[in-house]
Structure formats: structure tokens, C-alpha cells
Amino acid sequence: EGMGWRASPDLLIGSVDEWRTWGPAEAEDPPVHDATENFVIGVHKYGEKFVWQPAVHRTGRQLAPLRRIGDPSADSFLARCSPALRPMEDALDRLEQSEHPQDVEFRADCEHLPDWVDWDLVRRGQQVYLRHLPICLLSLFYVSLVGGFAAPLITRVLLCTGYLTASPKSVMARLLDTADMISDAVAQGPDCLRPWEAGWRSAVRVRLLHAKVRAKLMTEPGWDLSAWGTPINQEDMSVTLLAFSYNVLVGLDKVRGKPLAHEDQEAYVHLWRVVGWLLGIQESNNPCRAGMGHAKAEIESMVMHLLHPDRDSIAVAHHLLTAPSAARQQNLGSQTGFLRGAALSRALLGAELADALELPVCPNATWLASRWLWILGWYDSACELWLVGDGLMLLHGWMLRLLSRRGPGQNKFGMRASPSCPFGFSSEKHEVRERADTMEDLLVEPQFQQRVGWTNSLLLGAAGIAIVGVFVCSRS
């Protein structure tokens, strides 16, 4: 059922003798699988069902040390250059120009990609994302982002930096920054991930930004290191990588009603293994390092360890769902837009997690969400047709590049502190934002709105043609 069973043919639901829930009090110790008595314990949490397998899953006690590890190489580089690094200066430019022996070594490490990188798999993984772009974007927002806020340890970093909790326009600008990074990594072929190409630059720039945020939060008196661990630590980065990789495949499964071909799944996971390495995730902790089966076990382990939604989780999830309509209307937002977003999240996350995040149930919004998902399913079917699918994939890649707002040398991926951080951090101390309000203003500029309008029109037109094509092919 759901994401928990597609990759576990060896242990089926019928073999489970007892189901247990797993709350915060049990997060450190898993249920046991007693092979001697042939008694199998299943875990059931927020709609996620699976059998705990000690050989592939990690307990909370095993995951806890990851919360003490940041990114030692990037953190050391930032510590060396921070005294001279201006608030709006691009740390990647500093890395490129530095002649310090340790910086030269760090730069060489970033440039030397591992031998395990399979560029053919990277290309295929990029094509998977581009071919299924509409559902992938939907999954990233309504599954990965909204569902990810159910992990309070991750939400605290977002609250303290204001990355997704500031004004709606600022939230949308940050989301577009993330879309830029993905576009750089997938829209221009596998060579974009080679040293100093667009995808490589974007990933390494994000890695250095994470180091900057870690350094800033670690010096704040309100950050509880013993309770929360290092900000943006190895576990946080690993589960975020799974949000971009495994969770997207889960969303595709739900909307399409069937999984992708196994080869496509493995290629897509491999793509994100490479991106994860560029982002500073240690290979021993990279959840994508051994394919779909390992990624599945890792996300199940981390869901058990991290997914305990609290009041902050609810507030941030609701704020994110309100942001798209609020940013467009330049007011407190449209309740209708929030209800539509909540209905889509509920359809993709499942009722249990949606209830925990207090997402409302609105019959009209639920009906609209179901119709929208049905249309996306038909459109995705057209994306797999011969010739038509290739054309749509090219269109999707062009759309990503059209929406990219980066100019030559422009500094990206800025962050901004929340004006009223609940943990007492002073927004005046935070200088990690790397761009001014121009990115927020861009959301209401006519040129940008025109580009979005063109993109929406093209997508709707392509969807109509594709649906007709699928219908004709099915009748022939």
C-alpha cells in the first residue's frame, strides 16, 4: 500500500502478524522482527506501511549521529573566507578565485566527480524528469514540501532563516530559486553537471549557502544544538534529497496509477545521487547510492525518526499552501487557493498525514483536485507516446529555461531571516540573504507574469492536444 510496498516483494502485507504505530517516544527503538518465532512486526505511520528489516533500515539511534555532522569541507572553507566575505558576495566566486592551499584542495575535490557516475544514467534520469515534468513539479510542492514540514527538526531551520515562512512573494521567490537549481541540473543534458557548468555551479553554490546558514545559526544563542543537532546536517540533507528523488517517483505512481519502468526509476535515483554528492552529502550517507530499494528503506527509516508534526509544522504547511495565490494577489491570499492546495496535498499525502497537518476537507476543492489529477494522468500518458512524448519533453525543457530568471554571473539562492523568529533570532543579525527585494518585485513585473502566462497557455494547449492524441490512439 502506498510508497511502502512497491520495492519490497520479499515481505508482503500478508506476512505481518502485528501492526504497531510509532510515535516520538518510540523513535529511537524500532519494532522487532523475531525470525526465531517467525513473528513479523509491521510499522504503520501516517498511511505508510512496511515491515522493519534490520538489514536495510536504520534506527533512530543509528540516524542520530548524522544530526551532528554538517559538511566539514564546505564549513572549513566558509570559516576561512567568512571574515572577508561580504553579505551579498557569491561564495562560489571566492572559491573559484582563491589560491589558499586548502581552498585549492577543496575546489579540486568538488571538480573531481566520483568514478561511479554513469553519464548515460544521468541523461536518462534527466529525461524522466523532463518527460513527466507537470507531475514532478506537483509532487515536489504538494508531497515533498508540504509533507516535509511534518518533520519539526527540519521546519525549525526554515523558521529561523525565514526561507519559506516570510511574505508570500518572498516564499515564491525562494521556490523559484529552487526551480532554477533543478532546471540547471536537468534541462541541458548530463554535461551540465560537469565541473563549472550550470548544474554543477548551482549545486555547489547551494552547498556553500548551506554552510553559510550553518555557521550563522550555530552562533545564535537560540539554537539548541543538543536537542536539534547541527543545522542542515547530513540527515536533513539526506531526507531532502529523497524528497527530490524517491518522493517524486511516489507522486508519479499515485497520479499515473502505475509506477515508471524500473530502469527509469533507477536512472532518476542515480541522477539525484550525483546531485547529492555535489551538495555535500557524504557518500556513506547518500540515500540514493544503492538504487530504489535502498532509497525506499532510507526514507522509511527517516520518516519513523523525523515525522512527528507539531504546531509549527501545521503553521508552515498552511503558509506555504496560501503563498501562491497570496503572492499573485498581493494581499493575505485567497482562501479558495488554499483549499485547492490542501485538497491536492490531501490526495497525494493521504488522509492521515493531511489530518495531522490539519488540512481542511472541502468537497468542491476535492472534486476539482480529483479532476486536475485525472487530466494530469491523461497528459502524462501522452508524454509516453512515440514522437508526441519526445516533443512534449522538449517543450517541458524549454519551459524550464523560459522561467529561469538567472542572468550571467547573477547571484542566486538568496535567503532571508524571518522578521519574528519564534526562537528569538534577530533578523538584523542575518546577512545570509544574497539578493535584495528585486526577486520579490520580479513576481509582479509584467514581463515575468507574461512569461508565466505564455508557459501556462502552452502547457494547457499541449495538454489538450495530448489528451486528444491519447484518445485517438486508444480507439485505433
Protein backbone atom coordinates (compact mmCIF):
# COMPACT_ATOMS: atom_id res chain seq x y z
CA GLU A 1 0.00 0.00 0.00
CA GLY A 2 1.37 3.39 -0.93
CA MET A 3 5.08 4.03 -1.16
CA GLY A 4 5.96 1.30 1.33
CA TRP A 5 5.34 -1.78 -0.76
CA ARG A 6 6.40 -1.23 -4.32
CA ALA A 7 10.02 -2.19 -3.66
CA SER A 8 9.52 -4.92 -1.02
CA PRO A 9 8.48 -8.10 -2.85
CA ASP A 10 10.11 -10.28 -0.21
CA LEU A 11 7.93 -9.16 2.70
CA LEU A 12 4.23 -8.77 1.91
CA ILE A 13 1.39 -7.39 3.98
CA GLY A 14 0.06 -10.88 4.44
CA SER A 15 3.17 -11.87 6.38
CA VAL A 16 2.61 -9.27 9.11
CA ASP A 17 1.46 -10.70 12.43
CA GLU A 18 1.06 -7.39 14.24
CA TRP A 19 0.88 -3.74 13.24
CA ARG A 20 2.26 -1.04 15.51
CA THR A 21 2.27 2.71 15.33
CA TRP A 22 5.49 4.54 16.08
CA GLY A 23 5.35 7.87 17.84
CA PRO A 24 8.04 10.22 19.18
CA ALA A 25 8.53 8.13 22.33
CA GLU A 26 9.45 5.08 20.25
CA ALA A 27 11.51 6.95 17.65
CA GLU A 28 14.84 5.61 18.88
CA ASP A 29 13.96 1.91 19.03
CA PRO A 30 12.30 0.06 16.16
CA PRO A 31 9.80 -2.76 16.39
CA VAL A 32 11.49 -6.15 16.29
CA HIS A 33 11.37 -8.78 13.61
CA ASP A 34 11.70 -12.04 15.53
CA ALA A 35 12.87 -14.55 12.95
CA THR A 36 13.19 -17.35 15.50
CA GLU A 37 9.48 -17.29 16.24
CA ASN A 38 8.57 -16.25 12.72
CA PHE A 39 6.70 -13.29 14.20
CA VAL A 40 6.76 -10.27 11.90
CA ILE A 41 6.06 -6.74 13.16
CA GLY A 42 4.80 -4.13 10.72
CA VAL A 43 5.05 -0.38 11.13
CA HIS A 44 2.09 1.83 10.29
CA LYS A 45 2.54 5.59 10.46
CA TYR A 46 0.58 8.30 8.63
CA GLY A 47 -0.51 5.84 5.97
CA GLU A 48 2.98 4.42 5.50
CA LYS A 49 3.09 0.65 5.97
CA PHE A 50 6.16 -1.54 5.82
CA VAL A 51 7.94 -4.35 7.62
CA TRP A 52 11.01 -3.38 9.59
CA GLN A 53 14.08 -5.13 8.25
CA PRO A 54 17.24 -4.58 10.36
CA ALA A 55 19.44 -5.38 7.37
CA VAL A 56 18.20 -2.37 5.38
CA HIS A 57 16.52 0.04 7.81
CA ARG A 58 18.28 2.34 10.28
CA THR A 59 17.01 3.02 13.78
CA GLY A 60 16.74 6.42 15.35
CA ARG A 61 19.84 5.66 17.39
CA GLN A 62 21.72 4.89 14.19
CA LEU A 63 20.48 8.05 12.48
CA ALA A 64 21.07 10.39 15.43
CA PRO A 65 24.86 10.75 14.84
CA LEU A 66 24.11 12.15 11.38
CA ARG A 67 22.49 15.13 13.08
CA ARG A 68 25.90 16.14 14.46
CA ILE A 69 27.60 16.22 11.06
CA GLY A 70 27.30 19.14 8.69
CA ASP A 71 29.58 19.40 5.68
CA PRO A 72 33.13 19.59 7.11
CA SER A 73 34.88 20.58 3.87
CA ALA A 74 32.44 23.37 2.98
CA ASP A 75 32.21 24.51 6.59
CA SER A 76 36.01 24.82 6.80
CA PHE A 77 36.10 26.81 3.57
CA LEU A 78 33.45 29.22 4.85
CA ALA A 79 35.31 29.63 8.14
CA ARG A 80 38.46 30.62 6.24
CA CYS A 81 36.81 33.13 3.91
CA SER A 82 33.97 34.47 6.12
CA PRO A 83 35.92 37.42 7.60
CA ALA A 84 36.42 38.85 4.12
CA LEU A 85 33.16 37.62 2.55
CA ARG A 86 30.67 40.43 2.01
CA PRO A 87 26.96 39.69 2.69
CA MET A 88 25.97 39.74 -0.99
CA GLU A 89 29.18 38.21 -2.34
CA ASP A 90 28.95 34.86 -4.09
CA ALA A 91 30.97 32.31 -2.12
CA LEU A 92 31.42 30.24 -5.29
CA ASP A 93 33.27 33.14 -6.93
CA ARG A 94 35.52 33.29 -3.90
CA LEU A 95 36.17 29.54 -4.15
CA GLU A 96 36.98 29.84 -7.85
CA GLN A 97 39.50 32.64 -7.29
CA SER A 98 41.12 31.54 -4.04
CA GLU A 99 44.74 30.37 -4.06
CA HIS A 100 44.78 29.22 -0.42
CA PRO A 101 46.16 25.63 -0.40
CA GLN A 102 43.16 24.23 1.48
CA ASP A 103 40.75 26.06 -0.81
CA VAL A 104 42.56 24.72 -3.85
CA GLU A 105 42.22 21.20 -2.41
CA PHE A 106 38.51 21.71 -1.69
CA ARG A 107 37.95 23.07 -5.19
CA ALA A 108 39.73 20.06 -6.70
CA ASP A 109 37.56 17.72 -4.64
CA CYS A 110 34.42 19.42 -5.97
CA GLU A 111 35.72 19.23 -9.54
CA HIS A 112 36.66 15.54 -9.40
CA LEU A 113 33.39 13.64 -9.73
CA PRO A 114 33.41 10.03 -8.47
CA ASP A 115 34.14 7.12 -10.79
CA TRP A 116 30.69 5.66 -10.12
CA VAL A 117 28.95 8.46 -12.07
CA ASP A 118 27.20 6.90 -15.06
CA TRP A 119 26.54 9.69 -17.54
CA ASP A 120 24.12 7.58 -19.58
CA LEU A 121 22.02 7.02 -16.44
CA VAL A 122 22.24 10.73 -15.65
CA ARG A 123 20.90 11.57 -19.11
CA ARG A 124 18.06 9.08 -18.73
CA GLY A 125 17.23 10.40 -15.27
CA GLN A 126 17.06 13.94 -16.63
CA GLN A 127 14.76 12.77 -19.40
CA VAL A 128 12.48 11.10 -16.84
CA TYR A 129 12.09 14.43 -15.04
CA LEU A 130 11.53 16.44 -18.22
CA ARG A 131 9.12 13.93 -19.75
CA HIS A 132 6.96 13.84 -16.63
CA LEU A 133 7.57 17.47 -15.62
CA PRO A 134 3.99 18.51 -14.63
CA ILE A 135 3.55 15.64 -12.17
CA CYS A 136 7.12 16.00 -10.91
CA LEU A 137 6.52 19.67 -10.07
CA LEU A 138 3.20 18.83 -8.45
CA SER A 139 4.85 16.12 -6.34
CA LEU A 140 7.69 18.38 -5.26
CA PHE A 141 5.29 21.01 -3.96
CA TYR A 142 2.38 19.03 -2.52
CA VAL A 143 4.22 15.88 -1.40
CA SER A 144 7.82 16.81 -0.70
CA LEU A 145 7.47 20.36 0.60
CA VAL A 146 4.12 20.25 2.38
CA GLY A 147 4.69 16.73 3.70
CA GLY A 148 8.27 17.56 4.66
CA PHE A 149 7.05 20.19 7.11
CA ALA A 150 5.73 17.33 9.26
CA ALA A 151 9.36 16.94 10.42
CA PRO A 152 9.80 19.62 13.14
CA LEU A 153 13.60 19.35 13.20
CA ILE A 154 13.69 20.46 9.56
CA THR A 155 10.94 23.05 9.99
CA ARG A 156 12.97 24.79 12.72
CA VAL A 157 15.73 25.70 10.27
CA LEU A 158 13.16 27.11 7.84
CA LEU A 159 11.57 29.14 10.62
CA CYS A 160 14.87 30.52 11.80
CA THR A 161 16.02 31.58 8.34
CA GLY A 162 12.60 32.64 7.09
CA TYR A 163 13.35 30.69 3.90
CA LEU A 164 9.75 29.59 3.37
CA THR A 165 8.00 31.46 6.17
CA ALA A 166 8.38 35.11 5.14
CA SER A 167 5.96 37.08 2.96
CA PRO A 168 4.16 35.17 0.20
CA LYS A 169 6.13 36.97 -2.51
CA SER A 170 9.38 36.09 -0.77
CA VAL A 171 8.30 32.45 -0.40
CA MET A 172 7.52 32.20 -4.10
CA ALA A 173 10.84 33.81 -4.97
CA ARG A 174 12.64 31.18 -2.88
CA LEU A 175 10.66 28.40 -4.58
CA LEU A 176 11.65 29.81 -7.96
CA ASP A 177 15.26 29.75 -6.78
CA THR A 178 14.87 26.03 -6.12
CA ALA A 179 13.26 25.58 -9.52
CA ASP A 180 16.28 27.34 -11.02
CA MET A 181 18.64 24.84 -9.39
CA ILE A 182 16.62 21.90 -10.71
CA SER A 183 16.44 23.47 -14.16
CA ASP A 184 20.21 23.91 -14.19
CA ALA A 185 20.65 20.27 -13.17
CA VAL A 186 18.26 18.63 -15.64
CA ALA A 187 17.34 20.87 -18.58
CA GLN A 188 20.62 20.98 -20.51
CA GLY A 189 21.83 17.40 -20.68
CA PRO A 190 24.29 15.49 -18.49
CA ASP A 191 27.22 17.76 -19.30
CA CYS A 192 25.58 20.49 -17.20
CA LEU A 193 26.70 18.58 -14.08
CA ARG A 194 30.35 18.56 -15.11
CA PRO A 195 32.70 20.96 -13.30
CA TRP A 196 31.89 24.65 -13.71
CA GLU A 197 28.86 24.02 -15.92
CA ALA A 198 25.45 25.39 -14.94
CA GLY A 199 24.16 22.44 -12.93
CA TRP A 200 27.48 21.93 -11.15
CA ARG A 201 27.67 25.62 -10.27
CA SER A 202 24.12 25.69 -8.92
CA ALA A 203 24.60 22.60 -6.74
CA VAL A 204 27.94 23.76 -5.32
CA ARG A 205 26.53 27.25 -4.76
CA VAL A 206 23.68 25.74 -2.72
CA ARG A 207 26.24 23.67 -0.81
CA LEU A 208 28.13 26.82 0.16
CA LEU A 209 24.90 28.60 1.06
CA HIS A 210 24.06 25.73 3.41
CA ALA A 211 27.47 26.14 5.03
CA LYS A 212 26.78 29.86 5.44
CA VAL A 213 23.45 29.19 7.14
CA ARG A 214 25.01 26.54 9.40
CA ALA A 215 27.73 28.93 10.52
CA LYS A 216 25.19 31.67 11.23
CA LEU A 217 22.71 29.54 13.17
CA MET A 218 25.43 27.80 15.18
CA THR A 219 26.44 31.17 16.65
CA GLU A 220 22.88 32.11 17.63
CA PRO A 221 22.04 31.70 21.33
CA GLY A 222 18.57 30.41 20.46
CA TRP A 223 19.83 27.36 18.58
CA ASP A 224 19.65 24.25 20.81
CA LEU A 225 22.48 22.12 19.48
CA SER A 226 21.90 19.26 21.92
CA ALA A 227 18.20 18.93 21.04
CA TRP A 228 18.19 19.82 17.34
CA GLY A 229 21.67 18.91 16.16
CA THR A 230 23.75 20.80 13.61
CA PRO A 231 21.64 22.94 11.27
CA ILE A 232 21.29 21.42 7.77
CA ASN A 233 23.02 18.25 8.87
CA GLN A 234 23.61 15.00 6.99
CA GLU A 235 20.22 13.54 7.94
CA ASP A 236 18.38 16.73 6.93
CA MET A 237 20.18 16.84 3.60
CA SER A 238 19.60 13.12 3.00
CA VAL A 239 15.87 13.27 3.61
CA THR A 240 15.65 16.40 1.45
CA LEU A 241 17.42 14.54 -1.36
CA LEU A 242 14.83 11.78 -1.00
CA ALA A 243 12.12 14.42 -1.28
CA PHE A 244 13.52 15.35 -4.71
CA SER A 245 14.08 11.76 -5.80
CA TYR A 246 12.02 9.00 -4.18
CA ASN A 247 9.02 11.14 -3.27
CA VAL A 248 8.72 12.39 -6.84
CA LEU A 249 8.55 8.79 -8.04
CA VAL A 250 5.86 8.12 -5.43
CA GLY A 251 3.86 11.11 -6.70
CA LEU A 252 4.18 9.84 -10.26
CA ASP A 253 2.95 6.45 -9.11
CA LYS A 254 -0.10 7.95 -7.41
CA VAL A 255 -1.17 10.24 -10.26
CA ARG A 256 -0.41 7.80 -13.07
CA GLY A 257 -1.87 4.81 -11.25
CA LYS A 258 1.23 2.76 -12.07
CA PRO A 259 4.97 3.05 -11.42
CA LEU A 260 7.51 4.04 -14.00
CA ALA A 261 9.62 1.37 -15.64
CA HIS A 262 12.24 0.03 -13.23
CA GLU A 263 15.06 1.29 -15.45
CA ASP A 264 13.62 4.81 -15.39
CA GLN A 265 13.30 4.73 -11.61
CA GLU A 266 16.90 3.63 -11.17
CA ALA A 267 18.14 6.28 -13.61
CA TYR A 268 16.23 9.03 -11.82
CA VAL A 269 17.58 7.95 -8.43
CA HIS A 270 21.11 7.86 -9.87
CA LEU A 271 20.71 11.43 -11.15
CA TRP A 272 19.97 12.58 -7.61
CA ARG A 273 22.81 10.52 -6.20
CA VAL A 274 25.12 12.69 -8.31
CA VAL A 275 23.37 15.92 -7.27
CA GLY A 276 23.50 14.79 -3.63
CA TRP A 277 27.25 14.29 -3.88
CA LEU A 278 27.62 17.80 -5.32
CA LEU A 279 25.51 19.18 -2.45
CA GLY A 280 27.91 17.76 0.12
CA ILE A 281 26.12 14.59 1.25
CA GLN A 282 28.74 12.06 2.25
CA GLU A 283 28.62 9.00 0.03
CA SER A 284 28.16 6.68 3.02
CA ASN A 285 25.03 8.68 3.91
CA ASN A 286 23.74 9.25 0.38
CA PRO A 287 20.29 7.59 0.34
CA CYS A 288 20.40 7.20 -3.45
CA ARG A 289 23.71 5.35 -3.55
CA ALA A 290 22.23 1.85 -4.00
CA GLY A 291 19.14 2.41 -6.12
CA MET A 292 15.41 2.40 -5.44
CA GLY A 293 15.36 -0.35 -2.82
CA HIS A 294 17.89 1.43 -0.63
CA ALA A 295 16.21 4.82 -1.13
CA LYS A 296 12.91 3.29 -0.04
CA ALA A 297 14.41 1.83 3.12
CA GLU A 298 16.14 5.13 3.94
CA ILE A 299 13.02 7.25 3.62
CA GLU A 300 11.06 4.76 5.73
CA SER A 301 13.73 4.93 8.43
CA MET A 302 13.79 8.73 8.38
CA VAL A 303 10.01 9.02 8.33
CA MET A 304 9.94 7.00 11.54
CA HIS A 305 12.68 9.14 13.06
CA LEU A 306 11.63 12.64 11.97
CA LEU A 307 7.92 12.71 11.13
CA HIS A 308 6.24 14.00 14.28
CA PRO A 309 4.27 17.10 13.19
CA ASP A 310 3.74 19.86 15.74
CA ARG A 311 2.09 23.29 15.73
CA ASP A 312 4.97 24.82 13.76
CA SER A 313 4.58 22.10 11.13
CA ILE A 314 0.92 22.98 10.75
CA ALA A 315 1.55 26.73 10.56
CA VAL A 316 4.33 26.44 7.97
CA ALA A 317 2.37 23.98 5.80
CA HIS A 318 -0.66 26.28 5.78
CA HIS A 319 1.52 29.29 5.00
CA LEU A 320 3.09 27.52 2.04
CA LEU A 321 -0.28 26.46 0.63
CA THR A 322 -1.52 30.05 0.89
CA ALA A 323 1.58 31.63 -0.66
CA PRO A 324 0.95 31.05 -4.42
CA SER A 325 -2.42 32.80 -4.51
CA ALA A 326 -1.35 35.43 -1.98
CA ALA A 327 1.75 36.34 -4.00
CA ARG A 328 -0.31 36.87 -7.14
CA GLN A 329 -2.99 38.93 -5.45
CA GLN A 330 -0.59 40.91 -3.23
CA ASN A 331 -2.84 40.50 -0.21
CA LEU A 332 -3.37 37.96 2.53
CA GLY A 333 -4.24 35.34 -0.01
CA SER A 334 -7.18 33.54 -1.44
CA GLN A 335 -8.99 31.05 0.76
CA THR A 336 -10.04 29.28 -2.42
CA GLY A 337 -6.41 28.85 -3.43
CA PHE A 338 -5.55 27.46 -0.02
CA LEU A 339 -8.43 24.99 -0.15
CA ARG A 340 -7.37 23.82 -3.63
CA GLY A 341 -3.82 23.30 -2.43
CA ALA A 342 -4.99 21.49 0.69
CA ALA A 343 -7.14 19.18 -1.44
CA LEU A 344 -4.21 18.33 -3.72
CA SER A 345 -1.96 17.69 -0.73
CA ARG A 346 -4.60 15.51 0.87
CA ALA A 347 -4.98 13.49 -2.33
CA LEU A 348 -1.21 12.93 -2.64
CA LEU A 349 -0.16 12.67 1.01
CA GLY A 350 -3.08 10.59 2.24
CA ALA A 351 -5.73 11.38 4.82
CA GLU A 352 -3.69 10.52 7.92
CA LEU A 353 -0.80 12.90 7.34
CA ALA A 354 -3.18 15.55 5.95
CA ASP A 355 -5.23 15.31 9.16
CA ALA A 356 -2.07 15.64 11.26
CA LEU A 357 -1.27 18.85 9.35
CA GLU A 358 -4.90 19.98 9.83
CA LEU A 359 -5.55 20.37 6.13
CA PRO A 360 -9.27 21.05 5.72
CA VAL A 361 -11.68 18.94 3.69
CA CYS A 362 -13.72 20.90 1.16
CA PRO A 363 -15.96 18.85 -1.18
CA ASN A 364 -15.73 21.32 -4.06
CA ALA A 365 -11.96 21.61 -3.79
CA THR A 366 -11.67 17.84 -3.51
CA TRP A 367 -13.68 17.39 -6.70
CA LEU A 368 -11.55 19.96 -8.55
CA ALA A 369 -8.36 18.30 -7.30
CA SER A 370 -9.50 14.89 -8.49
CA ARG A 371 -10.34 16.29 -11.95
CA TRP A 372 -6.99 18.07 -12.17
CA LEU A 373 -5.13 14.90 -11.24
CA TRP A 374 -7.17 12.95 -13.81
CA ILE A 375 -6.20 15.44 -16.53
CA LEU A 376 -2.56 15.23 -15.49
CA GLY A 377 -2.75 11.44 -15.68
CA TRP A 378 -4.04 11.61 -19.26
CA TYR A 379 -1.45 14.22 -20.19
CA ASP A 380 1.31 12.04 -18.74
CA SER A 381 0.08 9.13 -20.85
CA ALA A 382 0.62 11.30 -23.92
CA CYS A 383 4.14 12.08 -22.68
CA GLU A 384 4.98 8.40 -23.17
CA LEU A 385 3.70 8.17 -26.74
CA TRP A 386 6.20 7.78 -29.54
CA LEU A 387 7.16 11.08 -31.15
CA VAL A 388 4.47 13.04 -29.26
CA GLY A 389 6.20 12.28 -25.97
CA ASP A 390 9.57 13.42 -27.28
CA GLY A 391 8.04 16.67 -28.47
CA LEU A 392 6.40 17.30 -25.09
CA MET A 393 9.67 16.54 -23.32
CA LEU A 394 11.42 19.20 -25.42
CA LEU A 395 8.58 21.61 -24.65
CA HIS A 396 8.96 20.96 -20.92
CA GLY A 397 12.69 21.64 -21.08
CA TRP A 398 12.08 24.88 -22.92
CA MET A 399 9.50 25.91 -20.32
CA LEU A 400 12.01 25.39 -17.51
CA ARG A 401 14.56 27.54 -19.28
CA LEU A 402 11.92 30.18 -20.05
CA LEU A 403 11.04 30.55 -16.39
CA SER A 404 14.66 30.74 -15.30
CA ARG A 405 15.47 34.26 -14.16
CA ARG A 406 19.24 33.96 -13.99
CA GLY A 407 21.48 36.30 -15.90
CA PRO A 408 25.22 35.85 -16.50
CA GLY A 409 27.03 35.99 -13.17
CA GLN A 410 23.86 36.66 -11.22
CA ASN A 411 23.94 35.54 -7.63
CA LYS A 412 21.18 33.06 -6.84
CA PHE A 413 19.60 31.16 -3.98
CA GLY A 414 19.30 34.02 -1.53
CA MET A 415 17.82 33.54 1.92
CA ARG A 416 16.29 35.94 4.35
CA ALA A 417 15.68 35.81 8.07
CA SER A 418 12.16 35.78 9.41
CA PRO A 419 11.20 39.17 10.88
CA SER A 420 9.86 37.46 14.01
CA CYS A 421 11.65 34.16 14.55
CA PRO A 422 9.90 32.08 17.27
CA PHE A 423 13.29 31.02 18.64
CA GLY A 424 14.43 34.55 19.35
CA PHE A 425 16.89 35.03 16.49
CA SER A 426 17.43 38.61 15.45
CA SER A 427 16.66 39.24 11.80
CA GLU A 428 19.11 42.15 11.94
CA LYS A 429 21.96 39.69 12.52
CA HIS A 430 21.17 37.58 9.49
CA GLU A 431 23.11 38.65 6.45
CA VAL A 432 22.85 35.40 4.53
CA ARG A 433 20.41 36.81 2.03
CA GLU A 434 22.31 37.19 -1.22
CA ARG A 435 19.82 39.24 -3.18
CA ALA A 436 17.68 42.21 -2.28
CA ASP A 437 13.96 42.66 -2.76
CA THR A 438 14.35 42.62 -6.54
CA MET A 439 13.44 38.93 -6.63
CA GLU A 440 10.20 39.62 -4.76
CA ASP A 441 9.43 42.54 -7.06
CA LEU A 442 10.05 40.30 -10.06
CA LEU A 443 6.96 38.25 -9.22
CA VAL A 444 4.71 41.20 -10.04
CA GLU A 445 6.67 42.54 -13.01
CA PRO A 446 4.66 42.42 -16.27
CA GLN A 447 7.48 40.67 -18.15
CA PHE A 448 7.63 37.83 -15.69
CA GLN A 449 3.85 37.49 -15.50
CA GLN A 450 3.79 37.45 -19.29
CA ARG A 451 6.31 34.59 -19.38
CA VAL A 452 4.25 32.65 -16.85
CA GLY A 453 1.14 33.30 -18.92
CA TRP A 454 2.84 32.05 -22.08
CA THR A 455 4.00 28.95 -20.26
CA ASN A 456 0.57 28.19 -18.83
CA SER A 457 -1.06 28.69 -22.24
CA LEU A 458 1.45 26.42 -23.94
CA LEU A 459 1.02 23.76 -21.28
CA LEU A 460 -2.77 23.87 -21.47
CA GLY A 461 -2.68 23.75 -25.25
CA ALA A 462 -0.25 20.84 -25.21
CA ALA A 463 -2.41 19.07 -22.63
CA GLY A 464 -5.48 19.39 -24.85
CA ILE A 465 -3.65 18.09 -27.90
CA ALA A 466 -2.07 15.30 -25.90
CA ILE A 467 -5.38 14.14 -24.41
CA VAL A 468 -6.96 14.04 -27.87
CA GLY A 469 -3.93 12.10 -29.10
CA VAL A 470 -4.23 9.54 -26.32
CA PHE A 471 -7.97 9.14 -27.01
CA VAL A 472 -7.40 8.65 -30.74
CA CYS A 473 -4.59 6.15 -30.13
CA SER A 474 -6.71 4.21 -27.63
CA ARG A 475 -9.58 3.93 -30.15
CA SER A 476 -7.39 2.90 -33.09
